[in-house]
Protein backbone atom coordinates (compact mmCIF):
# COMPACT_ATOMS: atom_id res chain seq x y z
CA MET A 1 11.88 -16.85 2.44
CA THR A 2 12.34 -14.83 -0.47
CA ALA A 3 8.82 -15.54 -1.67
CA ASN A 4 7.80 -13.69 1.37
CA TRP A 5 9.82 -10.55 0.46
CA TRP A 6 8.65 -10.51 -2.97
CA LEU A 7 5.09 -10.88 -1.51
CA ALA A 8 5.65 -8.28 0.76
CA LEU A 9 7.15 -5.68 -2.02
CA ILE A 10 3.82 -6.63 -4.39
CA ILE A 11 1.59 -5.77 -1.77
CA MET A 12 3.14 -2.35 -1.04
CA VAL A 13 3.50 -1.51 -4.77
CA VAL A 14 -0.35 -2.37 -5.65
CA LEU A 15 -1.38 -0.47 -2.72
CA ASN A 16 0.67 2.58 -3.32
CA GLY A 17 -0.27 1.98 -7.38
CA ILE A 18 -4.08 2.35 -6.34
CA VAL A 19 -3.69 5.34 -4.42
CA ALA A 20 -1.59 7.00 -7.05
CA TRP A 21 -4.12 5.90 -9.59
CA THR A 22 -6.92 7.24 -7.68
CA LEU A 23 -5.33 10.65 -7.30
CA LEU A 24 -4.47 10.88 -10.77
CA THR A 25 -7.55 9.71 -12.45
CA GLY A 26 -9.78 11.78 -9.93
CA LEU A 27 -11.69 14.68 -11.28
CA GLU A 28 -12.42 16.71 -8.15
CA PRO A 29 -9.31 18.45 -6.58
CA VAL A 30 -7.95 16.84 -3.26
CA SER A 31 -6.32 18.63 -0.72
CA ARG A 32 -2.57 18.14 0.31
CA ARG A 33 -3.74 17.28 3.74
CA ALA A 34 -6.02 14.59 2.62
CA LYS A 35 -3.51 13.03 0.07
CA LYS A 36 -0.94 12.90 2.92
CA TRP A 37 -3.16 11.44 5.19
CA MET A 38 -4.30 9.06 2.39
CA PHE A 39 -0.62 8.00 1.81
CA ILE A 40 -0.15 7.56 5.52
CA VAL A 41 -3.20 5.26 5.72
CA VAL A 42 -2.54 3.07 2.94
CA ASN A 43 1.10 2.48 3.75
CA GLY A 44 0.27 1.60 7.40
CA ILE A 45 -2.39 -0.93 6.30
CA GLY A 46 0.20 -2.11 3.60
CA LEU A 47 2.95 -2.72 6.29
CA VAL A 48 0.53 -4.19 8.48
CA LEU A 49 -0.49 -6.93 5.82
CA ALA A 50 3.48 -7.08 4.24
CA VAL A 51 4.45 -7.82 8.10
CA SER A 52 1.37 -10.45 8.67
CA GLN A 53 2.12 -12.14 5.66
CA PHE A 54 5.74 -13.42 7.31
CA PHE A 55 3.72 -14.98 10.34
CA TRP A 56 0.68 -16.62 8.44
CA MET A 57 2.31 -17.68 5.17
CA GLU A 58 4.95 -20.59 5.37
CA PHE A 59 7.02 -21.58 1.99
């Protein structure tokens, strides 16, 4: 069960790291509204992946 929690944490950290890296290294300016929605969508996807791995993976 502890491995599931670690995997859920890793999923969220990796997805948020990808978004942060994209926003920090992007050359074109991004509006605050677009940044907000990008974080909302990525965290929603990450939450679905993190919760679903509890049902699909058995350690």
